[in-house]
Amino acid sequence: MKTVNFIHMEDGTAEEYAFTANLFTEHVQEHLADQLMTTLRTMAGPTFGYQVDRFEHSLQSATRALRNGESDEMVVAALLHDVADPIAPLNHSAVAADILKPYVSDRTEWVIRHHGVFQGYYYFHHLGGDQNARELFREHQWFDDCAAFCHEYDQNCFDPAYDNLALEDFAPLVREVLGRPSRFSLTELA
């Protein structure tokens, strides 16, 4: 079978959907890591007034996590925590978490999903917002983990003099983590 016979999804057979699912899974395993690293590269350029651009910020975050002995998945999560900024600037945390969700632990996914509001601790009050917005999650089991992530691998990653590793240095980790079989079936993620 080179292609399915149906032109309306409602007419597809189990065999055809198994065929397309296998092709899709193979494609994801071969290309997702490179597509995300390409997206990171597109973040190079505008600094929006910061001393580093979002690409350097991401490299610095991952470099600090790696040098601090974090797990491979947390290093990859640090690298990709802002990857959705170009396409979802107002909900980048949730989009990045959804990208990572099939390949990382619940804890790592939760930290990335909530890092935006936790990061606000450092600046929301300067913009008229609630510096303590993260307190809504105070009783959550991973509150301290998210607060630590933001303190160690986000709010402090705007240093133009920091010796970042290159994106290529992270490529094997990204490929390993995103090459894992999904924790979910296609129907669980839909």
N, C-alpha and C. Protein backbone atom coordinates (compact mmCIF):
# COMPACT_ATOMS: atom_id res chain seq x y z
N MET A 1 0.86 -1.18 0.00
CA MET A 1 0.00 0.00 0.00
C MET A 1 0.90 1.23 0.00
N LYS A 2 0.76 2.09 -1.00
CA LYS A 2 1.52 3.34 -1.06
C LYS A 2 0.72 4.51 -0.52
N THR A 3 -0.59 4.46 -0.70
CA THR A 3 -1.50 5.45 -0.15
C THR A 3 -2.79 4.74 0.23
N VAL A 4 -3.57 5.40 1.02
CA VAL A 4 -4.89 4.87 1.37
C VAL A 4 -5.84 5.09 0.19
N ASN A 5 -6.94 4.40 0.19
CA ASN A 5 -7.93 4.55 -0.87
C ASN A 5 -8.95 5.65 -0.57
N PHE A 6 -9.17 5.95 0.70
CA PHE A 6 -10.24 6.88 1.04
C PHE A 6 -9.86 8.33 0.79
N ILE A 7 -10.89 9.14 0.55
CA ILE A 7 -10.70 10.59 0.47
C ILE A 7 -11.49 11.30 1.57
N HIS A 8 -12.34 10.55 2.26
CA HIS A 8 -13.05 11.04 3.45
C HIS A 8 -12.63 10.14 4.60
N MET A 9 -12.26 10.70 5.69
CA MET A 9 -11.78 9.91 6.83
C MET A 9 -12.79 8.87 7.29
N GLU A 10 -14.06 9.20 7.19
CA GLU A 10 -15.09 8.26 7.63
C GLU A 10 -15.10 6.97 6.82
N ASP A 11 -14.46 6.95 5.68
CA ASP A 11 -14.43 5.77 4.82
C ASP A 11 -13.18 4.92 5.01
N GLY A 12 -12.26 5.33 5.88
CA GLY A 12 -11.02 4.59 6.08
C GLY A 12 -11.23 3.28 6.81
N THR A 13 -10.33 2.35 6.55
CA THR A 13 -10.38 1.04 7.21
C THR A 13 -9.32 0.98 8.31
N ALA A 14 -9.44 -0.03 9.16
CA ALA A 14 -8.45 -0.23 10.22
C ALA A 14 -7.07 -0.44 9.62
N GLU A 15 -7.00 -1.20 8.53
CA GLU A 15 -5.72 -1.45 7.87
C GLU A 15 -5.10 -0.14 7.36
N GLU A 16 -5.93 0.70 6.75
CA GLU A 16 -5.42 1.97 6.24
C GLU A 16 -4.93 2.88 7.37
N TYR A 17 -5.67 2.92 8.46
CA TYR A 17 -5.25 3.77 9.57
C TYR A 17 -4.00 3.23 10.26
N ALA A 18 -3.85 1.93 10.33
CA ALA A 18 -2.60 1.35 10.86
C ALA A 18 -1.44 1.74 9.97
N PHE A 19 -1.65 1.69 8.66
CA PHE A 19 -0.63 2.06 7.68
C PHE A 19 -0.21 3.52 7.86
N THR A 20 -1.18 4.44 7.94
CA THR A 20 -0.84 5.86 8.07
C THR A 20 -0.23 6.16 9.43
N ALA A 21 -0.70 5.50 10.47
CA ALA A 21 -0.15 5.74 11.81
C ALA A 21 1.31 5.32 11.87
N ASN A 22 1.64 4.19 11.25
CA ASN A 22 3.04 3.74 11.23
C ASN A 22 3.92 4.73 10.48
N LEU A 23 3.46 5.20 9.33
CA LEU A 23 4.24 6.18 8.57
C LEU A 23 4.43 7.46 9.36
N PHE A 24 3.36 7.91 10.01
CA PHE A 24 3.44 9.13 10.80
C PHE A 24 4.42 8.97 11.97
N THR A 25 4.33 7.85 12.67
CA THR A 25 5.22 7.61 13.80
C THR A 25 6.68 7.58 13.35
N GLU A 26 6.96 6.93 12.26
CA GLU A 26 8.33 6.90 11.72
C GLU A 26 8.81 8.31 11.38
N HIS A 27 7.94 9.09 10.76
CA HIS A 27 8.30 10.46 10.39
C HIS A 27 8.62 11.29 11.63
N VAL A 28 7.77 11.19 12.64
CA VAL A 28 7.99 11.94 13.87
C VAL A 28 9.33 11.55 14.50
N GLN A 29 9.59 10.28 14.59
CA GLN A 29 10.84 9.82 15.21
C GLN A 29 12.06 10.29 14.43
N GLU A 30 11.94 10.41 13.12
CA GLU A 30 13.07 10.83 12.30
C GLU A 30 13.25 12.34 12.25
N HIS A 31 12.17 13.12 12.41
CA HIS A 31 12.26 14.54 12.10
C HIS A 31 11.89 15.51 13.22
N LEU A 32 11.20 15.08 14.25
CA LEU A 32 10.73 16.02 15.27
C LEU A 32 11.87 16.79 15.93
N ALA A 33 12.92 16.10 16.31
CA ALA A 33 14.04 16.78 16.99
C ALA A 33 14.63 17.87 16.10
N ASP A 34 14.85 17.54 14.83
CA ASP A 34 15.42 18.53 13.92
C ASP A 34 14.46 19.69 13.68
N GLN A 35 13.17 19.42 13.58
CA GLN A 35 12.21 20.50 13.38
C GLN A 35 12.19 21.46 14.58
N LEU A 36 12.28 20.90 15.77
CA LEU A 36 12.28 21.77 16.95
C LEU A 36 13.58 22.55 17.07
N MET A 37 14.70 21.93 16.72
CA MET A 37 15.97 22.66 16.75
C MET A 37 15.97 23.76 15.69
N THR A 38 15.35 23.52 14.55
CA THR A 38 15.21 24.56 13.53
C THR A 38 14.36 25.71 14.07
N THR A 39 13.29 25.38 14.77
CA THR A 39 12.45 26.42 15.36
C THR A 39 13.26 27.24 16.37
N LEU A 40 14.08 26.58 17.16
CA LEU A 40 14.94 27.33 18.09
C LEU A 40 15.84 28.30 17.34
N ARG A 41 16.42 27.85 16.24
CA ARG A 41 17.31 28.72 15.46
C ARG A 41 16.57 29.97 14.96
N THR A 42 15.29 29.84 14.68
CA THR A 42 14.53 31.00 14.19
C THR A 42 14.36 32.06 15.27
N MET A 43 14.65 31.69 16.51
CA MET A 43 14.51 32.63 17.62
C MET A 43 15.75 33.52 17.78
N ALA A 44 16.77 33.26 16.96
CA ALA A 44 17.96 34.11 16.97
C ALA A 44 17.61 35.43 16.30
N GLY A 45 18.13 36.50 16.84
CA GLY A 45 17.88 37.80 16.21
C GLY A 45 17.36 38.83 17.17
N PRO A 46 16.06 39.12 17.11
CA PRO A 46 15.55 40.21 17.95
C PRO A 46 15.72 39.91 19.44
N THR A 47 16.18 40.91 20.16
CA THR A 47 16.38 40.74 21.60
C THR A 47 15.23 41.32 22.41
N PHE A 48 14.39 42.12 21.78
CA PHE A 48 13.28 42.77 22.48
C PHE A 48 13.76 43.54 23.70
N GLY A 49 14.98 44.09 23.60
CA GLY A 49 15.53 44.90 24.66
C GLY A 49 16.36 44.15 25.68
N TYR A 50 16.31 42.83 25.67
CA TYR A 50 17.17 42.04 26.56
C TYR A 50 18.59 42.03 26.00
N GLN A 51 19.54 41.55 26.79
CA GLN A 51 20.92 41.51 26.33
C GLN A 51 21.24 40.29 25.48
N VAL A 52 20.33 39.31 25.44
CA VAL A 52 20.48 38.15 24.57
C VAL A 52 19.14 37.90 23.88
N ASP A 53 19.21 37.22 22.74
CA ASP A 53 17.96 36.85 22.06
C ASP A 53 17.40 35.57 22.68
N ARG A 54 16.23 35.16 22.22
CA ARG A 54 15.57 33.99 22.81
C ARG A 54 16.32 32.69 22.51
N PHE A 55 17.03 32.66 21.39
CA PHE A 55 17.85 31.49 21.06
C PHE A 55 18.98 31.33 22.09
N GLU A 56 19.71 32.41 22.34
CA GLU A 56 20.79 32.36 23.34
C GLU A 56 20.23 32.08 24.73
N HIS A 57 19.09 32.65 25.04
CA HIS A 57 18.43 32.37 26.32
C HIS A 57 18.16 30.88 26.47
N SER A 58 17.67 30.25 25.43
CA SER A 58 17.37 28.81 25.46
C SER A 58 18.64 27.99 25.62
N LEU A 59 19.69 28.35 24.87
CA LEU A 59 20.97 27.64 25.01
C LEU A 59 21.53 27.80 26.41
N GLN A 60 21.42 29.01 26.96
CA GLN A 60 21.93 29.25 28.30
C GLN A 60 21.16 28.45 29.33
N SER A 61 19.86 28.37 29.18
CA SER A 61 19.03 27.59 30.09
C SER A 61 19.46 26.12 30.08
N ALA A 62 19.59 25.56 28.90
CA ALA A 62 19.98 24.14 28.78
C ALA A 62 21.41 23.91 29.24
N THR A 63 22.30 24.83 28.94
CA THR A 63 23.69 24.69 29.37
C THR A 63 23.78 24.67 30.89
N ARG A 64 23.06 25.57 31.52
CA ARG A 64 23.07 25.61 32.98
C ARG A 64 22.47 24.32 33.57
N ALA A 65 21.39 23.83 32.98
CA ALA A 65 20.77 22.59 33.46
C ALA A 65 21.73 21.40 33.30
N LEU A 66 22.39 21.32 32.15
CA LEU A 66 23.34 20.24 31.92
C LEU A 66 24.50 20.31 32.91
N ARG A 67 25.06 21.48 33.07
CA ARG A 67 26.21 21.65 33.98
C ARG A 67 25.82 21.45 35.43
N ASN A 68 24.54 21.57 35.73
CA ASN A 68 24.07 21.36 37.10
C ASN A 68 23.69 19.90 37.35
N GLY A 69 23.86 19.04 36.34
CA GLY A 69 23.60 17.61 36.51
C GLY A 69 22.15 17.20 36.41
N GLU A 70 21.31 18.02 35.77
CA GLU A 70 19.90 17.66 35.61
C GLU A 70 19.78 16.44 34.68
N SER A 71 18.64 15.77 34.76
CA SER A 71 18.36 14.62 33.90
C SER A 71 18.35 15.07 32.43
N ASP A 72 18.53 14.10 31.54
CA ASP A 72 18.49 14.41 30.10
C ASP A 72 17.19 15.09 29.72
N GLU A 73 16.07 14.58 30.24
CA GLU A 73 14.79 15.17 29.85
C GLU A 73 14.64 16.59 30.38
N MET A 74 15.21 16.89 31.54
CA MET A 74 15.11 18.26 32.05
C MET A 74 16.03 19.20 31.27
N VAL A 75 17.16 18.70 30.82
CA VAL A 75 18.03 19.51 29.97
C VAL A 75 17.32 19.85 28.67
N VAL A 76 16.69 18.86 28.06
CA VAL A 76 15.94 19.08 26.83
C VAL A 76 14.76 20.01 27.09
N ALA A 77 14.08 19.84 28.20
CA ALA A 77 12.98 20.72 28.56
C ALA A 77 13.47 22.16 28.74
N ALA A 78 14.62 22.33 29.37
CA ALA A 78 15.19 23.67 29.53
C ALA A 78 15.49 24.28 28.16
N LEU A 79 16.04 23.48 27.26
CA LEU A 79 16.34 23.96 25.92
C LEU A 79 15.07 24.39 25.19
N LEU A 80 14.00 23.63 25.36
CA LEU A 80 12.78 23.85 24.59
C LEU A 80 11.68 24.61 25.34
N HIS A 81 11.96 25.08 26.54
CA HIS A 81 10.88 25.67 27.35
C HIS A 81 10.21 26.87 26.70
N ASP A 82 10.92 27.59 25.85
CA ASP A 82 10.35 28.76 25.17
C ASP A 82 10.19 28.55 23.67
N VAL A 83 10.32 27.31 23.19
CA VAL A 83 10.31 27.05 21.75
C VAL A 83 9.03 27.52 21.07
N ALA A 84 7.95 27.63 21.79
CA ALA A 84 6.68 28.05 21.20
C ALA A 84 6.51 29.56 21.15
N ASP A 85 7.45 30.32 21.68
CA ASP A 85 7.35 31.79 21.65
C ASP A 85 7.01 32.35 20.27
N PRO A 86 7.64 31.88 19.19
CA PRO A 86 7.35 32.48 17.88
C PRO A 86 5.92 32.22 17.38
N ILE A 87 5.31 31.12 17.79
CA ILE A 87 3.99 30.76 17.25
C ILE A 87 2.86 30.90 18.26
N ALA A 88 3.20 30.96 19.54
CA ALA A 88 2.17 31.07 20.59
C ALA A 88 2.70 31.95 21.72
N PRO A 89 2.96 33.22 21.44
CA PRO A 89 3.60 34.07 22.44
C PRO A 89 2.81 34.25 23.73
N LEU A 90 1.50 34.15 23.68
CA LEU A 90 0.70 34.37 24.88
C LEU A 90 0.41 33.09 25.66
N ASN A 91 0.72 31.94 25.07
CA ASN A 91 0.57 30.67 25.81
C ASN A 91 1.70 29.71 25.46
N HIS A 92 2.89 30.26 25.34
CA HIS A 92 4.04 29.46 24.93
C HIS A 92 4.35 28.33 25.91
N SER A 93 4.10 28.54 27.18
CA SER A 93 4.39 27.49 28.17
C SER A 93 3.55 26.25 27.92
N ALA A 94 2.26 26.45 27.69
CA ALA A 94 1.36 25.32 27.46
C ALA A 94 1.70 24.60 26.16
N VAL A 95 2.04 25.35 25.13
CA VAL A 95 2.37 24.72 23.85
C VAL A 95 3.66 23.94 23.96
N ALA A 96 4.68 24.50 24.60
CA ALA A 96 5.94 23.77 24.79
C ALA A 96 5.70 22.51 25.62
N ALA A 97 4.88 22.61 26.65
CA ALA A 97 4.58 21.45 27.48
C ALA A 97 3.86 20.37 26.67
N ASP A 98 2.94 20.79 25.81
CA ASP A 98 2.23 19.81 24.99
C ASP A 98 3.16 19.13 23.99
N ILE A 99 4.14 19.85 23.48
CA ILE A 99 5.13 19.23 22.58
C ILE A 99 5.92 18.16 23.33
N LEU A 100 6.32 18.47 24.54
CA LEU A 100 7.16 17.56 25.33
C LEU A 100 6.38 16.42 26.00
N LYS A 101 5.11 16.62 26.25
CA LYS A 101 4.30 15.72 27.07
C LYS A 101 4.44 14.23 26.74
N PRO A 102 4.44 13.83 25.48
CA PRO A 102 4.53 12.38 25.20
C PRO A 102 5.88 11.75 25.57
N TYR A 103 6.91 12.58 25.75
CA TYR A 103 8.27 12.08 25.87
C TYR A 103 8.92 12.28 27.23
N VAL A 104 8.28 13.05 28.10
CA VAL A 104 8.87 13.36 29.40
C VAL A 104 7.91 12.96 30.52
N SER A 105 8.42 13.00 31.73
CA SER A 105 7.60 12.65 32.89
C SER A 105 6.52 13.69 33.14
N ASP A 106 5.54 13.31 33.92
CA ASP A 106 4.48 14.25 34.31
C ASP A 106 5.08 15.46 35.02
N ARG A 107 6.07 15.24 35.84
CA ARG A 107 6.72 16.32 36.59
C ARG A 107 7.34 17.34 35.64
N THR A 108 8.13 16.87 34.68
CA THR A 108 8.79 17.77 33.74
C THR A 108 7.76 18.52 32.91
N GLU A 109 6.74 17.82 32.45
CA GLU A 109 5.69 18.46 31.66
C GLU A 109 5.00 19.55 32.49
N TRP A 110 4.72 19.28 33.77
CA TRP A 110 4.05 20.26 34.63
C TRP A 110 4.93 21.49 34.83
N VAL A 111 6.20 21.27 35.05
CA VAL A 111 7.13 22.40 35.25
C VAL A 111 7.13 23.30 34.01
N ILE A 112 7.24 22.71 32.84
CA ILE A 112 7.27 23.52 31.62
C ILE A 112 5.91 24.19 31.39
N ARG A 113 4.83 23.49 31.63
CA ARG A 113 3.49 24.06 31.44
C ARG A 113 3.28 25.30 32.32
N HIS A 114 3.85 25.31 33.50
CA HIS A 114 3.58 26.40 34.46
C HIS A 114 4.73 27.40 34.59
N HIS A 115 5.82 27.20 33.86
CA HIS A 115 6.96 28.09 34.06
C HIS A 115 6.64 29.55 33.75
N GLY A 116 5.70 29.82 32.85
CA GLY A 116 5.37 31.20 32.52
C GLY A 116 4.82 31.99 33.70
N VAL A 117 3.89 31.38 34.43
CA VAL A 117 3.33 32.07 35.60
C VAL A 117 4.34 32.11 36.74
N PHE A 118 5.16 31.07 36.88
CA PHE A 118 6.18 31.07 37.93
C PHE A 118 7.27 32.09 37.63
N GLN A 119 7.60 32.25 36.36
CA GLN A 119 8.60 33.24 35.96
C GLN A 119 8.11 34.65 36.29
N GLY A 120 6.80 34.83 36.29
CA GLY A 120 6.23 36.13 36.61
C GLY A 120 6.60 36.64 37.99
N TYR A 121 7.02 35.76 38.87
CA TYR A 121 7.47 36.16 40.21
C TYR A 121 8.56 37.23 40.13
N TYR A 122 9.35 37.17 39.07
CA TYR A 122 10.49 38.07 38.94
C TYR A 122 10.16 39.40 38.27
N TYR A 123 8.97 39.50 37.64
CA TYR A 123 8.71 40.76 36.94
C TYR A 123 7.25 41.21 36.85
N PHE A 124 6.28 40.36 37.13
CA PHE A 124 4.87 40.78 36.97
C PHE A 124 4.58 42.09 37.71
N HIS A 125 5.11 42.25 38.90
CA HIS A 125 4.82 43.44 39.70
C HIS A 125 5.32 44.73 39.03
N HIS A 126 6.34 44.62 38.20
CA HIS A 126 6.85 45.80 37.49
C HIS A 126 5.92 46.24 36.37
N LEU A 127 5.02 45.34 35.98
CA LEU A 127 4.08 45.64 34.90
C LEU A 127 2.65 45.78 35.42
N GLY A 128 2.50 45.90 36.74
CA GLY A 128 1.18 46.08 37.34
C GLY A 128 0.45 44.78 37.61
N GLY A 129 1.14 43.66 37.48
CA GLY A 129 0.53 42.36 37.72
C GLY A 129 0.83 41.83 39.10
N ASP A 130 0.38 40.63 39.34
CA ASP A 130 0.55 39.98 40.64
C ASP A 130 1.83 39.15 40.66
N GLN A 131 2.83 39.64 41.36
CA GLN A 131 4.10 38.95 41.48
C GLN A 131 3.92 37.54 42.05
N ASN A 132 2.92 37.36 42.86
CA ASN A 132 2.71 36.08 43.53
C ASN A 132 1.63 35.23 42.87
N ALA A 133 1.41 35.42 41.58
CA ALA A 133 0.39 34.64 40.87
C ALA A 133 0.66 33.14 40.98
N ARG A 134 1.91 32.77 41.09
CA ARG A 134 2.25 31.34 41.20
C ARG A 134 1.72 30.72 42.48
N GLU A 135 1.35 31.53 43.46
CA GLU A 135 0.84 31.01 44.73
C GLU A 135 -0.46 30.22 44.56
N LEU A 136 -1.15 30.40 43.44
CA LEU A 136 -2.33 29.59 43.15
C LEU A 136 -1.98 28.09 43.13
N PHE A 137 -0.71 27.79 42.90
CA PHE A 137 -0.26 26.41 42.78
C PHE A 137 0.56 25.95 43.99
N ARG A 138 0.54 26.73 45.05
CA ARG A 138 1.39 26.47 46.23
C ARG A 138 1.27 25.04 46.74
N GLU A 139 0.11 24.47 46.74
CA GLU A 139 -0.09 23.13 47.30
C GLU A 139 0.24 22.00 46.31
N HIS A 140 0.59 22.35 45.11
CA HIS A 140 0.90 21.30 44.12
C HIS A 140 2.23 20.64 44.45
N GLN A 141 2.31 19.35 44.22
CA GLN A 141 3.52 18.60 44.57
C GLN A 141 4.77 19.08 43.84
N TRP A 142 4.62 19.73 42.68
CA TRP A 142 5.79 20.18 41.92
C TRP A 142 5.97 21.69 41.94
N PHE A 143 5.33 22.36 42.89
CA PHE A 143 5.49 23.81 43.03
C PHE A 143 6.97 24.16 43.19
N ASP A 144 7.63 23.54 44.15
CA ASP A 144 9.03 23.86 44.41
C ASP A 144 9.92 23.53 43.22
N ASP A 145 9.59 22.48 42.48
CA ASP A 145 10.38 22.12 41.30
C ASP A 145 10.27 23.21 40.23
N CYS A 146 9.07 23.72 40.03
CA CYS A 146 8.87 24.77 39.02
C CYS A 146 9.55 26.07 39.47
N ALA A 147 9.41 26.39 40.74
CA ALA A 147 10.07 27.60 41.27
C ALA A 147 11.59 27.48 41.10
N ALA A 148 12.14 26.32 41.37
CA ALA A 148 13.58 26.10 41.21
C ALA A 148 13.98 26.19 39.74
N PHE A 149 13.18 25.59 38.85
CA PHE A 149 13.47 25.66 37.42
C PHE A 149 13.57 27.12 36.98
N CYS A 150 12.59 27.92 37.36
CA CYS A 150 12.59 29.32 36.95
C CYS A 150 13.75 30.09 37.55
N HIS A 151 14.10 29.77 38.78
CA HIS A 151 15.22 30.46 39.43
C HIS A 151 16.56 30.07 38.82
N GLU A 152 16.74 28.78 38.56
CA GLU A 152 18.04 28.28 38.10
C GLU A 152 18.23 28.28 36.59
N TYR A 153 17.11 28.18 35.82
CA TYR A 153 17.25 27.96 34.38
C TYR A 153 16.38 28.87 33.51
N ASP A 154 15.88 29.94 34.10
CA ASP A 154 15.07 30.86 33.29
C ASP A 154 15.40 32.31 33.62
N GLN A 155 15.08 32.79 34.81
CA GLN A 155 15.25 34.19 35.14
C GLN A 155 16.70 34.66 35.08
N ASN A 156 17.64 33.75 35.19
CA ASN A 156 19.06 34.09 35.22
C ASN A 156 19.77 33.80 33.90
N CYS A 157 19.04 33.55 32.85
CA CYS A 157 19.64 33.11 31.58
C CYS A 157 19.59 34.21 30.51
N PHE A 158 20.02 35.40 30.91
CA PHE A 158 20.05 36.54 29.99
C PHE A 158 21.43 37.18 30.00
N ASP A 159 22.45 36.40 30.32
CA ASP A 159 23.82 36.89 30.49
C ASP A 159 24.61 36.74 29.19
N PRO A 160 24.94 37.85 28.52
CA PRO A 160 25.65 37.76 27.26
C PRO A 160 27.08 37.21 27.41
N ALA A 161 27.62 37.22 28.61
CA ALA A 161 28.98 36.73 28.83
C ALA A 161 29.02 35.26 29.22
N TYR A 162 27.86 34.63 29.41
CA TYR A 162 27.84 33.22 29.81
C TYR A 162 28.32 32.35 28.66
N ASP A 163 29.08 31.32 29.00
CA ASP A 163 29.66 30.40 28.01
C ASP A 163 28.67 29.30 27.66
N ASN A 164 27.72 29.61 26.76
CA ASN A 164 26.72 28.63 26.34
C ASN A 164 27.35 27.54 25.50
N LEU A 165 26.81 26.35 25.61
CA LEU A 165 27.12 25.31 24.65
C LEU A 165 26.37 25.60 23.36
N ALA A 166 26.81 25.02 22.26
CA ALA A 166 26.15 25.20 20.97
C ALA A 166 24.94 24.28 20.87
N LEU A 167 23.99 24.64 20.03
CA LEU A 167 22.80 23.81 19.83
C LEU A 167 23.20 22.39 19.43
N GLU A 168 24.20 22.25 18.61
CA GLU A 168 24.64 20.93 18.16
C GLU A 168 25.10 20.05 19.33
N ASP A 169 25.57 20.66 20.40
CA ASP A 169 25.97 19.89 21.58
C ASP A 169 24.77 19.21 22.24
N PHE A 170 23.59 19.78 22.05
CA PHE A 170 22.38 19.22 22.64
C PHE A 170 21.64 18.26 21.71
N ALA A 171 22.02 18.23 20.45
CA ALA A 171 21.29 17.43 19.46
C ALA A 171 21.15 15.96 19.87
N PRO A 172 22.20 15.30 20.36
CA PRO A 172 22.02 13.89 20.76
C PRO A 172 20.98 13.73 21.88
N LEU A 173 20.96 14.63 22.85
CA LEU A 173 19.98 14.55 23.93
C LEU A 173 18.57 14.80 23.40
N VAL A 174 18.43 15.78 22.53
CA VAL A 174 17.11 16.08 21.97
C VAL A 174 16.61 14.88 21.18
N ARG A 175 17.49 14.30 20.39
CA ARG A 175 17.08 13.13 19.59
C ARG A 175 16.74 11.94 20.49
N GLU A 176 17.48 11.77 21.56
CA GLU A 176 17.21 10.65 22.47
C GLU A 176 15.87 10.83 23.16
N VAL A 177 15.63 12.00 23.72
CA VAL A 177 14.39 12.23 24.47
C VAL A 177 13.18 12.22 23.54
N LEU A 178 13.26 12.92 22.42
CA LEU A 178 12.12 12.99 21.51
C LEU A 178 12.00 11.75 20.63
N GLY A 179 12.99 10.89 20.68
CA GLY A 179 12.92 9.63 19.95
C GLY A 179 12.32 8.50 20.76
N ARG A 180 12.01 8.79 22.02
CA ARG A 180 11.37 7.78 22.86
C ARG A 180 9.97 7.47 22.33
N PRO A 181 9.53 6.25 22.55
CA PRO A 181 8.12 5.98 22.21
C PRO A 181 7.22 6.87 23.07
N SER A 182 6.15 7.31 22.49
CA SER A 182 5.20 8.16 23.21
C SER A 182 4.66 7.42 24.43
N ARG A 183 4.45 8.16 25.50
CA ARG A 183 3.82 7.60 26.69
C ARG A 183 2.32 7.38 26.47
N PHE A 184 1.80 7.89 25.38
CA PHE A 184 0.38 7.86 25.12
C PHE A 184 0.10 7.25 23.75
N SER A 185 -1.07 6.71 23.59
CA SER A 185 -1.51 6.28 22.27
C SER A 185 -2.04 7.50 21.53
N LEU A 186 -2.20 7.38 20.23
CA LEU A 186 -2.76 8.50 19.46
C LEU A 186 -4.13 8.92 19.98
N THR A 187 -4.92 7.97 20.42
CA THR A 187 -6.26 8.31 20.91
C THR A 187 -6.22 9.02 22.25
N GLU A 188 -5.20 8.76 23.07
CA GLU A 188 -5.10 9.43 24.37
C GLU A 188 -4.71 10.91 24.20
N LEU A 189 -3.99 11.22 23.16
CA LEU A 189 -3.54 12.60 22.95
C LEU A 189 -4.55 13.43 22.18
N ALA A 190 -5.47 12.79 21.54
CA ALA A 190 -6.43 13.53 20.70
C ALA A 190 -7.38 14.36 21.52
